[in-house]
Amino acid sequence: MVMMLALLAGCAGRELATHDPRPGGDGLSIERALILSAAQGALGTPYRFGGNTPEGLDCSGLVEMAYRSAGIPVPRTADEQFRALPAVSRAQPGDLLFFGDRRKATHVGIYRGNGQMIHAPGSGRKVTSVPLDIAYWQERFLGAAGPAP
């Protein structure tokens, strides 16, 4: 019985689907380009709980700062962002990716494209880009949001 529940729990997550614009295709909106530029500019910034400035960032602070650079206001915490922003079925570069425990989004990152996410991972670490195809992210994925045009 326990084994069956474990198998079912592993299958309960949403699929992390992405869509990258084709080279020479439609491309990105100026807002998405600004968001990605700000997020990439934050690479290497130290983690700071509650931080939303270049001196230190937490995960939702990184999102808030990057979206502010594009003139798009977003709620402050990962869970508020998850609950308030428009969901998308396939993330595009600049969209938000949410992770958590099914009851609450506890982490957010910005989809960079090519299967990568920029995020602020936690205390003692720095803003970094990571691949999304590892089990850790797949198992915790809650959904994506696309508040940028």
Protein backbone atom coordinates (compact mmCIF):
# COMPACT_ATOMS: atom_id res chain seq x y z
CA MET A 1 0.00 0.00 0.00
CA VAL A 2 2.78 2.44 0.93
CA MET A 3 4.58 1.63 -2.32
CA MET A 4 1.41 2.32 -4.33
CA LEU A 5 0.92 5.70 -2.60
CA ALA A 6 4.54 6.63 -3.29
CA LEU A 7 4.11 5.79 -6.97
CA LEU A 8 0.89 7.79 -7.21
CA ALA A 9 2.46 10.78 -5.43
CA GLY A 10 5.34 10.75 -7.89
CA CYS A 11 2.88 10.94 -10.78
CA ALA A 12 0.78 13.71 -9.25
CA GLY A 13 2.97 16.61 -10.40
CA ARG A 14 2.32 18.77 -13.43
CA GLU A 15 4.46 18.39 -16.50
CA LEU A 16 7.07 21.11 -16.87
CA ALA A 17 6.49 22.04 -20.52
CA THR A 18 8.38 24.82 -22.26
CA HIS A 19 8.31 26.63 -25.58
CA ASP A 20 11.33 28.49 -26.92
CA PRO A 21 10.82 30.90 -29.82
CA ARG A 22 12.45 29.67 -33.01
CA PRO A 23 15.51 31.54 -34.24
CA GLY A 24 14.31 33.99 -36.85
CA GLY A 25 10.73 33.48 -35.64
CA ASP A 26 8.53 35.82 -33.64
CA GLY A 27 11.20 36.44 -31.01
CA LEU A 28 10.61 37.93 -27.58
CA SER A 29 8.63 40.99 -26.59
CA ILE A 30 10.65 43.95 -25.30
CA GLU A 31 9.27 43.22 -21.80
CA ARG A 32 10.54 39.64 -21.87
CA ALA A 33 13.91 40.79 -23.18
CA LEU A 34 14.16 43.30 -20.30
CA ILE A 35 13.16 40.66 -17.74
CA LEU A 36 15.76 38.22 -19.03
CA SER A 37 18.42 40.92 -19.19
CA ALA A 38 17.78 41.90 -15.55
CA ALA A 39 17.76 38.26 -14.42
CA GLN A 40 20.98 37.50 -16.29
CA GLY A 41 22.53 40.66 -14.85
CA ALA A 42 21.73 39.34 -11.38
CA LEU A 43 23.74 36.13 -11.89
CA GLY A 44 26.27 35.92 -9.06
CA THR A 45 24.29 38.18 -6.71
CA PRO A 46 24.34 36.82 -3.15
CA TYR A 47 21.17 35.35 -1.66
CA ARG A 48 19.54 37.50 1.01
CA PHE A 49 16.23 36.55 2.60
CA GLY A 50 13.71 39.27 1.76
CA GLY A 51 16.15 40.90 -0.66
CA ASN A 52 14.95 42.51 -3.88
CA THR A 53 17.92 44.72 -4.84
CA PRO A 54 21.28 44.10 -6.55
CA GLU A 55 22.89 43.90 -3.09
CA GLY A 56 21.01 40.68 -2.28
CA LEU A 57 18.06 38.69 -3.58
CA ASP A 58 15.75 35.91 -2.54
CA CYS A 59 13.84 33.94 -5.19
CA SER A 60 10.74 36.13 -5.29
CA GLY A 61 12.86 39.26 -4.92
CA LEU A 62 14.75 38.29 -8.07
CA VAL A 63 11.41 37.99 -9.86
CA GLU A 64 10.16 41.29 -8.45
CA MET A 65 13.37 43.11 -9.48
CA ALA A 66 13.47 41.60 -13.00
CA TYR A 67 9.80 42.33 -13.66
CA ARG A 68 10.14 45.86 -12.23
CA SER A 69 12.84 46.50 -14.87
CA ALA A 70 10.15 45.79 -17.50
CA GLY A 71 7.54 47.96 -15.76
CA ILE A 72 5.46 44.97 -14.62
CA PRO A 73 4.44 44.87 -10.94
CA VAL A 74 4.21 41.43 -9.31
CA PRO A 75 3.31 40.32 -5.78
CA ARG A 76 6.20 39.96 -3.35
CA THR A 77 6.27 36.27 -2.31
CA ALA A 78 6.50 33.12 -4.43
CA ASP A 79 3.12 31.86 -3.21
CA GLU A 80 1.41 35.23 -3.81
CA GLN A 81 2.90 35.30 -7.31
CA PHE A 82 1.73 31.73 -7.96
CA ARG A 83 -1.82 32.46 -6.85
CA ALA A 84 -2.22 35.90 -8.48
CA LEU A 85 -0.45 35.71 -11.86
CA PRO A 86 -1.95 34.20 -15.04
CA ALA A 87 -1.08 30.53 -15.48
CA VAL A 88 0.35 29.23 -18.74
CA SER A 89 0.55 25.63 -19.92
CA ARG A 90 3.95 26.05 -21.64
CA ALA A 91 6.60 28.37 -20.26
CA GLN A 92 8.36 30.77 -22.62
CA PRO A 93 11.57 32.67 -21.83
CA GLY A 94 10.75 35.27 -19.18
CA ASP A 95 7.88 33.28 -17.66
CA LEU A 96 7.87 32.22 -14.02
CA LEU A 97 8.26 28.64 -12.81
CA PHE A 98 6.85 27.70 -9.41
CA PHE A 99 7.88 24.86 -7.13
CA GLY A 100 6.54 23.62 -3.83
CA ASP A 101 4.65 20.98 -1.91
CA ARG A 102 1.22 21.05 -3.65
CA ARG A 103 -0.27 23.31 -0.96
CA LYS A 104 2.05 26.26 -1.37
CA ALA A 105 4.61 27.63 -3.80
CA THR A 106 7.84 27.87 -1.85
CA HIS A 107 10.22 28.72 -4.70
CA VAL A 108 10.11 30.61 -8.00
CA GLY A 109 12.52 31.05 -10.87
CA ILE A 110 12.57 32.72 -14.28
CA TYR A 111 12.60 30.49 -17.34
CA ARG A 112 15.69 31.45 -19.34
CA GLY A 113 15.06 29.26 -22.38
CA ASN A 114 16.82 26.13 -23.59
CA GLY A 115 15.72 24.17 -20.51
CA GLN A 116 17.40 26.57 -18.04
CA MET A 117 16.05 28.58 -15.09
CA ILE A 118 17.59 31.57 -13.32
CA HIS A 119 16.87 31.54 -9.60
CA ALA A 120 18.15 32.54 -6.15
CA PRO A 121 18.73 29.13 -4.54
CA GLY A 122 19.10 29.93 -0.86
CA SER A 123 21.25 31.02 2.05
CA GLY A 124 24.98 31.05 1.40
CA ARG A 125 24.53 30.73 -2.37
CA LYS A 126 24.27 33.10 -5.33
CA VAL A 127 21.79 33.69 -8.14
CA THR A 128 22.52 31.04 -10.74
CA SER A 129 21.20 29.33 -13.85
CA VAL A 130 20.31 25.65 -13.59
CA PRO A 131 18.98 22.93 -15.91
CA LEU A 132 15.34 21.97 -15.39
CA ASP A 133 15.61 18.38 -16.58
CA ILE A 134 16.72 16.99 -13.22
CA ALA A 135 14.32 15.06 -11.01
CA TYR A 136 14.48 17.57 -8.14
CA TRP A 137 12.73 20.28 -10.20
CA GLN A 138 10.41 17.91 -12.05
CA GLU A 139 9.08 16.43 -8.79
CA ARG A 140 8.36 19.82 -7.18
CA PHE A 141 6.96 21.70 -10.20
CA LEU A 142 3.58 23.34 -9.50
CA GLY A 143 3.03 25.43 -12.62
CA ALA A 144 4.12 28.39 -14.70
CA ALA A 145 2.86 31.94 -15.03
CA GLY A 146 3.21 34.39 -17.88
CA PRO A 147 2.48 37.95 -16.75
CA ALA A 148 4.66 39.51 -19.49
CA PRO A 149 3.29 40.14 -22.99
